[in-house]
Amino acid sequence: MAAPLTVLSPVTGTVVAVADVDDPVFSAGLVGPGLAVEPDDARGGEAVAPVTGTIVKLHPHAFVVQHDDGRAVLVHLGIDTVKLGGEGFTTHAAEGDVVERGTVLVSWDPAAVRAGGRSAVCPVVALEAPVDAVDTLAQVGTAVEHGEGLLTWG
């Protein structure tokens, strides 16, 4: 059994239940359990690595960081943001990079995403984890800073 893994909030904002995310893949938990964060307009534009590990996928709007023990965390910046083709997003790392938790991986503008008619909510998912293996550290409706504990994956 691996040691519990603390998953950090990738952005500053307000915690939202993943079941309330307006995307059936996330809300139904199809890729795994987690939480989401509605980013703060003024301070939610930096997305950090939620765990220490290797970036196994990096798109402007989403990334996956895999811990050394094999567990991987998906962060998705907004909903339907893939349709923006990277516009408004700046990546600060590359696939294959080993990063420390809290390292800034993507800069973006959540307010601009919302102004374009899309949700800026950021699902944070413990990929393919059993639901009972993940506990919340932050309560829905509360404010979190990027780099603050969001989930624990035991």
N, C-alpha and C. Protein backbone atom coordinates (compact mmCIF):
# COMPACT_ATOMS: atom_id res chain seq x y z
N MET A 1 0.85 -1.19 0.00
CA MET A 1 0.00 0.00 0.00
C MET A 1 0.89 1.24 0.00
N ALA A 2 0.65 2.10 -0.93
CA ALA A 2 1.44 3.33 -1.04
C ALA A 2 1.03 4.31 0.07
N ALA A 3 1.97 5.15 0.43
CA ALA A 3 1.68 6.19 1.43
C ALA A 3 0.63 7.15 0.88
N PRO A 4 -0.18 7.74 1.77
CA PRO A 4 -1.16 8.72 1.29
C PRO A 4 -0.48 9.86 0.53
N LEU A 5 -1.10 10.26 -0.54
CA LEU A 5 -0.57 11.31 -1.40
C LEU A 5 -1.47 12.53 -1.26
N THR A 6 -0.89 13.67 -0.87
CA THR A 6 -1.66 14.91 -0.78
C THR A 6 -1.66 15.57 -2.15
N VAL A 7 -2.86 15.86 -2.65
CA VAL A 7 -3.04 16.52 -3.95
C VAL A 7 -3.36 17.99 -3.66
N LEU A 8 -2.55 18.87 -4.21
CA LEU A 8 -2.72 20.30 -3.98
C LEU A 8 -3.70 20.93 -4.96
N SER A 9 -4.31 22.02 -4.55
CA SER A 9 -5.15 22.78 -5.47
C SER A 9 -4.25 23.42 -6.52
N PRO A 10 -4.57 23.24 -7.80
CA PRO A 10 -3.73 23.82 -8.85
C PRO A 10 -3.96 25.32 -9.03
N VAL A 11 -5.11 25.83 -8.60
CA VAL A 11 -5.44 27.25 -8.78
C VAL A 11 -6.04 27.82 -7.50
N THR A 12 -6.00 29.14 -7.39
CA THR A 12 -6.64 29.84 -6.29
C THR A 12 -8.09 30.09 -6.66
N GLY A 13 -9.01 29.75 -5.75
CA GLY A 13 -10.42 29.94 -6.04
C GLY A 13 -11.30 29.30 -4.99
N THR A 14 -12.49 28.90 -5.40
CA THR A 14 -13.50 28.33 -4.51
C THR A 14 -13.73 26.87 -4.87
N VAL A 15 -13.73 26.01 -3.85
CA VAL A 15 -13.90 24.57 -4.05
C VAL A 15 -15.34 24.26 -4.49
N VAL A 16 -15.45 23.40 -5.50
CA VAL A 16 -16.74 22.99 -6.08
C VAL A 16 -16.75 21.45 -6.10
N ALA A 17 -17.91 20.86 -5.84
CA ALA A 17 -18.04 19.41 -5.96
C ALA A 17 -17.87 19.02 -7.42
N VAL A 18 -17.09 17.97 -7.68
CA VAL A 18 -16.89 17.55 -9.06
C VAL A 18 -18.22 17.11 -9.68
N ALA A 19 -19.14 16.64 -8.87
CA ALA A 19 -20.46 16.25 -9.37
C ALA A 19 -21.23 17.44 -9.94
N ASP A 20 -20.84 18.66 -9.55
CA ASP A 20 -21.51 19.87 -10.04
C ASP A 20 -20.86 20.48 -11.28
N VAL A 21 -19.80 19.84 -11.78
CA VAL A 21 -19.13 20.33 -12.99
C VAL A 21 -20.00 20.03 -14.19
N ASP A 22 -20.16 21.01 -15.07
CA ASP A 22 -21.04 20.87 -16.24
C ASP A 22 -20.34 20.12 -17.38
N ASP A 23 -19.93 18.90 -17.07
CA ASP A 23 -19.31 18.01 -18.06
C ASP A 23 -19.51 16.60 -17.55
N PRO A 24 -20.21 15.75 -18.31
CA PRO A 24 -20.56 14.42 -17.80
C PRO A 24 -19.35 13.52 -17.50
N VAL A 25 -18.25 13.71 -18.20
CA VAL A 25 -17.07 12.88 -17.93
C VAL A 25 -16.56 13.14 -16.51
N PHE A 26 -16.56 14.40 -16.10
CA PHE A 26 -16.10 14.74 -14.75
C PHE A 26 -17.19 14.52 -13.71
N SER A 27 -18.40 15.01 -13.98
CA SER A 27 -19.45 14.96 -12.96
C SER A 27 -19.84 13.53 -12.61
N ALA A 28 -19.74 12.62 -13.55
CA ALA A 28 -20.08 11.21 -13.28
C ALA A 28 -18.88 10.43 -12.73
N GLY A 29 -17.73 11.09 -12.63
CA GLY A 29 -16.55 10.40 -12.10
C GLY A 29 -15.99 9.36 -13.03
N LEU A 30 -16.19 9.53 -14.34
CA LEU A 30 -15.77 8.51 -15.30
C LEU A 30 -14.25 8.34 -15.37
N VAL A 31 -13.49 9.41 -15.09
CA VAL A 31 -12.03 9.30 -15.13
C VAL A 31 -11.42 9.18 -13.74
N GLY A 32 -12.27 9.34 -12.71
CA GLY A 32 -11.80 9.19 -11.34
C GLY A 32 -12.45 10.22 -10.43
N PRO A 33 -12.30 10.02 -9.11
CA PRO A 33 -12.87 10.95 -8.14
C PRO A 33 -12.00 12.20 -7.99
N GLY A 34 -12.60 13.24 -7.43
CA GLY A 34 -11.83 14.45 -7.19
C GLY A 34 -12.71 15.59 -6.72
N LEU A 35 -12.18 16.79 -6.89
CA LEU A 35 -12.90 18.03 -6.61
C LEU A 35 -12.65 18.95 -7.78
N ALA A 36 -13.28 20.12 -7.75
CA ALA A 36 -13.01 21.13 -8.75
C ALA A 36 -12.82 22.46 -8.03
N VAL A 37 -12.19 23.41 -8.71
CA VAL A 37 -11.98 24.73 -8.15
C VAL A 37 -12.43 25.76 -9.17
N GLU A 38 -13.31 26.66 -8.74
CA GLU A 38 -13.72 27.79 -9.58
C GLU A 38 -12.67 28.88 -9.35
N PRO A 39 -11.85 29.16 -10.38
CA PRO A 39 -10.73 30.07 -10.16
C PRO A 39 -11.15 31.52 -9.91
N ASP A 40 -10.39 32.16 -9.05
CA ASP A 40 -10.56 33.58 -8.76
C ASP A 40 -10.09 34.38 -9.97
N ASP A 41 -10.88 35.37 -10.39
CA ASP A 41 -10.50 36.16 -11.57
C ASP A 41 -9.15 36.83 -11.41
N ALA A 42 -8.91 37.39 -10.24
CA ALA A 42 -7.68 38.17 -10.03
C ALA A 42 -6.47 37.29 -9.77
N ARG A 43 -6.67 36.14 -9.07
CA ARG A 43 -5.51 35.37 -8.63
C ARG A 43 -5.52 33.92 -9.07
N GLY A 44 -6.47 33.54 -9.91
CA GLY A 44 -6.59 32.13 -10.31
C GLY A 44 -5.92 31.78 -11.61
N GLY A 45 -5.09 32.68 -12.13
CA GLY A 45 -4.52 32.48 -13.47
C GLY A 45 -3.21 31.73 -13.53
N GLU A 46 -2.74 31.22 -12.40
CA GLU A 46 -1.55 30.37 -12.41
C GLU A 46 -1.97 28.99 -11.95
N ALA A 47 -1.69 27.98 -12.78
CA ALA A 47 -2.01 26.60 -12.43
C ALA A 47 -0.72 25.88 -12.08
N VAL A 48 -0.70 25.28 -10.88
CA VAL A 48 0.52 24.63 -10.39
C VAL A 48 0.36 23.12 -10.38
N ALA A 49 1.50 22.44 -10.34
CA ALA A 49 1.50 20.98 -10.26
C ALA A 49 0.87 20.55 -8.93
N PRO A 50 -0.13 19.65 -8.99
CA PRO A 50 -0.81 19.23 -7.77
C PRO A 50 -0.02 18.22 -6.95
N VAL A 51 0.95 17.55 -7.56
CA VAL A 51 1.82 16.57 -6.90
C VAL A 51 3.21 16.67 -7.52
N THR A 52 4.19 16.15 -6.81
CA THR A 52 5.54 16.03 -7.37
C THR A 52 5.54 14.81 -8.28
N GLY A 53 6.13 14.95 -9.46
CA GLY A 53 6.18 13.82 -10.37
C GLY A 53 6.57 14.24 -11.77
N THR A 54 6.21 13.40 -12.72
CA THR A 54 6.55 13.62 -14.12
C THR A 54 5.31 14.06 -14.89
N ILE A 55 5.46 15.09 -15.71
CA ILE A 55 4.35 15.53 -16.56
C ILE A 55 4.22 14.51 -17.68
N VAL A 56 3.13 13.73 -17.67
CA VAL A 56 2.94 12.71 -18.70
C VAL A 56 2.06 13.20 -19.84
N LYS A 57 1.27 14.24 -19.58
CA LYS A 57 0.47 14.89 -20.63
C LYS A 57 0.45 16.38 -20.32
N LEU A 58 0.65 17.19 -21.36
CA LEU A 58 0.57 18.63 -21.19
C LEU A 58 -0.04 19.26 -22.43
N HIS A 59 -1.22 19.81 -22.25
CA HIS A 59 -1.89 20.61 -23.27
C HIS A 59 -2.05 21.99 -22.64
N PRO A 60 -2.29 23.02 -23.44
CA PRO A 60 -2.49 24.33 -22.83
C PRO A 60 -3.61 24.35 -21.80
N HIS A 61 -4.67 23.55 -22.03
CA HIS A 61 -5.87 23.58 -21.19
C HIS A 61 -5.94 22.45 -20.16
N ALA A 62 -4.96 21.55 -20.15
CA ALA A 62 -5.04 20.39 -19.25
C ALA A 62 -3.66 19.75 -19.12
N PHE A 63 -3.45 19.11 -17.96
CA PHE A 63 -2.21 18.38 -17.78
C PHE A 63 -2.40 17.23 -16.79
N VAL A 64 -1.50 16.25 -16.91
CA VAL A 64 -1.47 15.10 -16.00
C VAL A 64 -0.06 15.00 -15.44
N VAL A 65 0.02 14.96 -14.10
CA VAL A 65 1.29 14.74 -13.42
C VAL A 65 1.22 13.39 -12.73
N GLN A 66 2.21 12.54 -13.02
CA GLN A 66 2.25 11.19 -12.45
C GLN A 66 3.33 11.13 -11.37
N HIS A 67 2.89 10.74 -10.17
CA HIS A 67 3.79 10.58 -9.03
C HIS A 67 4.69 9.38 -9.28
N ASP A 68 5.83 9.33 -8.59
CA ASP A 68 6.78 8.22 -8.76
C ASP A 68 6.16 6.86 -8.50
N ASP A 69 5.10 6.81 -7.66
CA ASP A 69 4.48 5.52 -7.34
C ASP A 69 3.43 5.09 -8.37
N GLY A 70 3.26 5.89 -9.43
CA GLY A 70 2.34 5.52 -10.50
C GLY A 70 1.01 6.23 -10.47
N ARG A 71 0.63 6.81 -9.33
CA ARG A 71 -0.65 7.53 -9.27
C ARG A 71 -0.54 8.82 -10.08
N ALA A 72 -1.60 9.14 -10.81
CA ALA A 72 -1.58 10.31 -11.69
C ALA A 72 -2.78 11.20 -11.42
N VAL A 73 -2.55 12.52 -11.51
CA VAL A 73 -3.59 13.52 -11.25
C VAL A 73 -3.79 14.35 -12.51
N LEU A 74 -5.06 14.45 -12.91
CA LEU A 74 -5.46 15.26 -14.06
C LEU A 74 -5.99 16.60 -13.57
N VAL A 75 -5.51 17.68 -14.19
CA VAL A 75 -6.04 19.02 -13.96
C VAL A 75 -6.54 19.53 -15.30
N HIS A 76 -7.81 19.96 -15.34
CA HIS A 76 -8.40 20.49 -16.57
C HIS A 76 -8.79 21.94 -16.32
N LEU A 77 -8.23 22.85 -17.09
CA LEU A 77 -8.47 24.28 -16.90
C LEU A 77 -9.68 24.73 -17.71
N GLY A 78 -10.83 24.75 -17.04
CA GLY A 78 -12.06 25.14 -17.72
C GLY A 78 -12.70 23.96 -18.44
N ILE A 79 -13.91 24.20 -18.92
CA ILE A 79 -14.68 23.18 -19.64
C ILE A 79 -14.80 23.62 -21.10
N ASP A 80 -14.60 22.68 -22.01
CA ASP A 80 -14.61 22.95 -23.46
C ASP A 80 -13.50 23.92 -23.88
N THR A 81 -12.47 24.07 -23.05
CA THR A 81 -11.38 24.98 -23.38
C THR A 81 -10.44 24.40 -24.44
N VAL A 82 -10.55 23.11 -24.71
CA VAL A 82 -9.77 22.53 -25.81
C VAL A 82 -10.12 23.25 -27.11
N LYS A 83 -11.36 23.73 -27.22
CA LYS A 83 -11.81 24.41 -28.44
C LYS A 83 -11.12 25.75 -28.66
N LEU A 84 -10.42 26.25 -27.64
CA LEU A 84 -9.69 27.52 -27.77
C LEU A 84 -8.36 27.33 -28.49
N GLY A 85 -7.97 26.08 -28.70
CA GLY A 85 -6.73 25.80 -29.43
C GLY A 85 -5.49 26.39 -28.79
N GLY A 86 -5.52 26.53 -27.47
CA GLY A 86 -4.36 27.05 -26.76
C GLY A 86 -4.36 28.55 -26.60
N GLU A 87 -5.27 29.24 -27.26
CA GLU A 87 -5.30 30.70 -27.18
C GLU A 87 -5.62 31.15 -25.75
N GLY A 88 -4.77 32.03 -25.22
CA GLY A 88 -4.96 32.53 -23.87
C GLY A 88 -4.28 31.69 -22.79
N PHE A 89 -3.58 30.64 -23.18
CA PHE A 89 -2.88 29.76 -22.25
C PHE A 89 -1.39 29.79 -22.57
N THR A 90 -0.55 29.81 -21.56
CA THR A 90 0.90 29.75 -21.74
C THR A 90 1.45 28.62 -20.88
N THR A 91 2.11 27.65 -21.53
CA THR A 91 2.69 26.54 -20.77
C THR A 91 4.11 26.92 -20.33
N HIS A 92 4.49 26.44 -19.15
CA HIS A 92 5.80 26.75 -18.58
C HIS A 92 6.62 25.50 -18.34
N ALA A 93 6.22 24.39 -18.94
CA ALA A 93 6.92 23.12 -18.77
C ALA A 93 6.66 22.29 -20.03
N ALA A 94 7.18 21.08 -20.04
CA ALA A 94 7.00 20.20 -21.20
C ALA A 94 6.73 18.78 -20.71
N GLU A 95 6.09 17.98 -21.58
CA GLU A 95 5.88 16.58 -21.25
C GLU A 95 7.24 15.94 -20.97
N GLY A 96 7.29 15.12 -19.94
CA GLY A 96 8.53 14.46 -19.57
C GLY A 96 9.29 15.19 -18.48
N ASP A 97 8.95 16.46 -18.22
CA ASP A 97 9.61 17.20 -17.15
C ASP A 97 9.24 16.62 -15.80
N VAL A 98 10.21 16.56 -14.90
CA VAL A 98 9.95 16.20 -13.51
C VAL A 98 9.77 17.51 -12.75
N VAL A 99 8.64 17.63 -12.06
CA VAL A 99 8.31 18.89 -11.39
C VAL A 99 7.99 18.65 -9.92
N GLU A 100 8.26 19.65 -9.12
CA GLU A 100 7.89 19.65 -7.71
C GLU A 100 6.45 20.14 -7.59
N ARG A 101 5.72 19.63 -6.61
CA ARG A 101 4.37 20.13 -6.40
C ARG A 101 4.45 21.62 -6.10
N GLY A 102 3.50 22.37 -6.65
CA GLY A 102 3.50 23.82 -6.49
C GLY A 102 4.20 24.58 -7.61
N THR A 103 4.86 23.87 -8.53
CA THR A 103 5.52 24.51 -9.67
C THR A 103 4.47 25.01 -10.65
N VAL A 104 4.59 26.26 -11.11
CA VAL A 104 3.65 26.80 -12.09
C VAL A 104 3.85 26.09 -13.43
N LEU A 105 2.77 25.48 -13.94
CA LEU A 105 2.83 24.76 -15.20
C LEU A 105 2.15 25.51 -16.33
N VAL A 106 1.06 26.23 -16.03
CA VAL A 106 0.30 26.95 -17.06
C VAL A 106 -0.18 28.28 -16.48
N SER A 107 -0.09 29.34 -17.29
CA SER A 107 -0.72 30.62 -16.97
C SER A 107 -1.89 30.79 -17.92
N TRP A 108 -2.99 31.35 -17.42
CA TRP A 108 -4.18 31.54 -18.24
C TRP A 108 -5.03 32.63 -17.61
N ASP A 109 -6.12 32.98 -18.29
CA ASP A 109 -7.00 34.05 -17.81
C ASP A 109 -8.42 33.50 -17.65
N PRO A 110 -8.77 33.07 -16.43
CA PRO A 110 -10.10 32.50 -16.22
C PRO A 110 -11.23 33.46 -16.61
N ALA A 111 -11.04 34.76 -16.37
CA ALA A 111 -12.08 35.75 -16.71
C ALA A 111 -12.31 35.78 -18.21
N ALA A 112 -11.25 35.67 -19.00
CA ALA A 112 -11.40 35.67 -20.46
C ALA A 112 -12.12 34.41 -20.93
N VAL A 113 -11.85 33.28 -20.26
CA VAL A 113 -12.55 32.03 -20.60
C VAL A 113 -14.05 32.21 -20.35
N ARG A 114 -14.40 32.78 -19.19
CA ARG A 114 -15.81 33.03 -18.87
C ARG A 114 -16.42 34.03 -19.84
N ALA A 115 -15.67 35.06 -20.19
CA ALA A 115 -16.18 36.08 -21.12
C ALA A 115 -16.48 35.47 -22.49
N GLY A 116 -15.77 34.39 -22.82
CA GLY A 116 -16.01 33.70 -24.09
C GLY A 116 -17.16 32.70 -24.00
N GLY A 117 -17.87 32.68 -22.87
CA GLY A 117 -19.05 31.82 -22.75
C GLY A 117 -18.76 30.41 -22.26
N ARG A 118 -17.55 30.18 -21.77
CA ARG A 118 -17.20 28.84 -21.27
C ARG A 118 -17.04 28.89 -19.75
N SER A 119 -17.17 27.73 -19.14
CA SER A 119 -16.91 27.61 -17.70
C SER A 119 -15.40 27.58 -17.48
N ALA A 120 -14.93 28.27 -16.44
CA ALA A 120 -13.51 28.26 -16.09
C ALA A 120 -13.21 27.27 -14.96
N VAL A 121 -14.23 26.53 -14.50
CA VAL A 121 -14.03 25.61 -13.38
C VAL A 121 -12.94 24.58 -13.73
N CYS A 122 -12.14 24.21 -12.73
CA CYS A 122 -10.99 23.33 -12.93
C CYS A 122 -11.15 22.02 -12.17
N PRO A 123 -11.60 20.96 -12.85
CA PRO A 123 -11.62 19.66 -12.19
C PRO A 123 -10.20 19.18 -11.87
N VAL A 124 -10.05 18.56 -10.70
CA VAL A 124 -8.80 17.97 -10.26
C VAL A 124 -9.14 16.53 -9.90
N VAL A 125 -8.62 15.59 -10.69
CA VAL A 125 -9.09 14.20 -10.62
C VAL A 125 -7.95 13.24 -10.34
N ALA A 126 -8.19 12.35 -9.39
CA ALA A 126 -7.28 11.23 -9.11
C ALA A 126 -7.59 10.16 -10.16
N LEU A 127 -6.78 10.12 -11.22
CA LEU A 127 -7.09 9.27 -12.37
C LEU A 127 -7.21 7.80 -11.99
N GLU A 128 -8.37 7.24 -12.36
CA GLU A 128 -8.67 5.83 -12.20
C GLU A 128 -8.54 5.33 -10.75
N ALA A 129 -8.67 6.24 -9.79
CA ALA A 129 -8.61 5.84 -8.39
C ALA A 129 -9.94 5.28 -7.93
N PRO A 130 -9.93 4.30 -7.03
CA PRO A 130 -11.19 3.88 -6.42
C PRO A 130 -11.77 5.05 -5.62
N VAL A 131 -13.06 5.23 -5.68
CA VAL A 131 -13.71 6.36 -5.00
C VAL A 131 -13.36 6.39 -3.52
N ASP A 132 -13.30 5.22 -2.90
CA ASP A 132 -13.03 5.18 -1.45
C ASP A 132 -11.56 5.41 -1.10
N ALA A 133 -10.70 5.59 -2.10
CA ALA A 133 -9.28 5.84 -1.85
C ALA A 133 -8.96 7.33 -1.74
N VAL A 134 -9.95 8.18 -2.05
CA VAL A 134 -9.72 9.62 -2.09
C VAL A 134 -10.62 10.32 -1.07
N ASP A 135 -9.99 11.17 -0.25
CA ASP A 135 -10.71 11.97 0.73
C ASP A 135 -10.47 13.45 0.45
N THR A 136 -11.45 14.26 0.78
CA THR A 136 -11.30 15.70 0.56
C THR A 136 -10.63 16.35 1.76
N LEU A 137 -9.75 17.29 1.48
CA LEU A 137 -9.12 18.09 2.52
C LEU A 137 -9.77 19.47 2.60
N ALA A 138 -10.31 19.92 1.48
CA ALA A 138 -10.96 21.23 1.41
C ALA A 138 -12.46 21.03 1.24
N GLN A 139 -13.24 21.81 1.93
CA GLN A 139 -14.69 21.68 1.88
C GLN A 139 -15.27 22.48 0.72
N VAL A 140 -16.31 21.91 0.08
CA VAL A 140 -17.01 22.60 -1.00
C VAL A 140 -17.50 23.96 -0.48
N GLY A 141 -17.29 24.98 -1.30
CA GLY A 141 -17.73 26.32 -0.94
C GLY A 141 -16.68 27.16 -0.24
N THR A 142 -15.55 26.54 0.13
CA THR A 142 -14.50 27.30 0.80
C THR A 142 -13.45 27.77 -0.19
N ALA A 143 -12.70 28.79 0.20
CA ALA A 143 -11.63 29.32 -0.64
C ALA A 143 -10.35 28.51 -0.42
N VAL A 144 -9.61 28.29 -1.51
CA VAL A 144 -8.31 27.63 -1.43
C VAL A 144 -7.30 28.46 -2.23
N GLU A 145 -6.08 28.40 -1.78
CA GLU A 145 -4.96 29.01 -2.51
C GLU A 145 -4.32 27.93 -3.37
N HIS A 146 -3.73 28.32 -4.53
CA HIS A 146 -2.99 27.30 -5.27
C HIS A 146 -1.84 26.84 -4.39
N GLY A 147 -1.63 25.54 -4.36
CA GLY A 147 -0.61 24.95 -3.52
C GLY A 147 -1.12 24.49 -2.16
N GLU A 148 -2.39 24.73 -1.88
CA GLU A 148 -3.00 24.29 -0.63
C GLU A 148 -3.59 22.89 -0.82
N GLY A 149 -3.60 22.07 0.25
CA GLY A 149 -4.13 20.72 0.15
C GLY A 149 -5.58 20.68 -0.27
N LEU A 150 -5.89 19.85 -1.26
CA LEU A 150 -7.25 19.72 -1.79
C LEU A 150 -7.81 18.33 -1.51
N LEU A 151 -7.01 17.31 -1.78
CA LEU A 151 -7.41 15.90 -1.63
C LEU A 151 -6.28 15.12 -0.98
N THR A 152 -6.62 13.99 -0.40
CA THR A 152 -5.62 13.02 -0.01
C THR A 152 -6.02 11.69 -0.65
N TRP A 153 -5.01 11.05 -1.25
CA TRP A 153 -5.22 9.81 -1.99
C TRP A 153 -4.45 8.73 -1.25
N GLY A 154 -5.24 7.86 -0.54
CA GLY A 154 -4.59 6.88 0.35
C GLY A 154 -4.34 5.55 -0.22
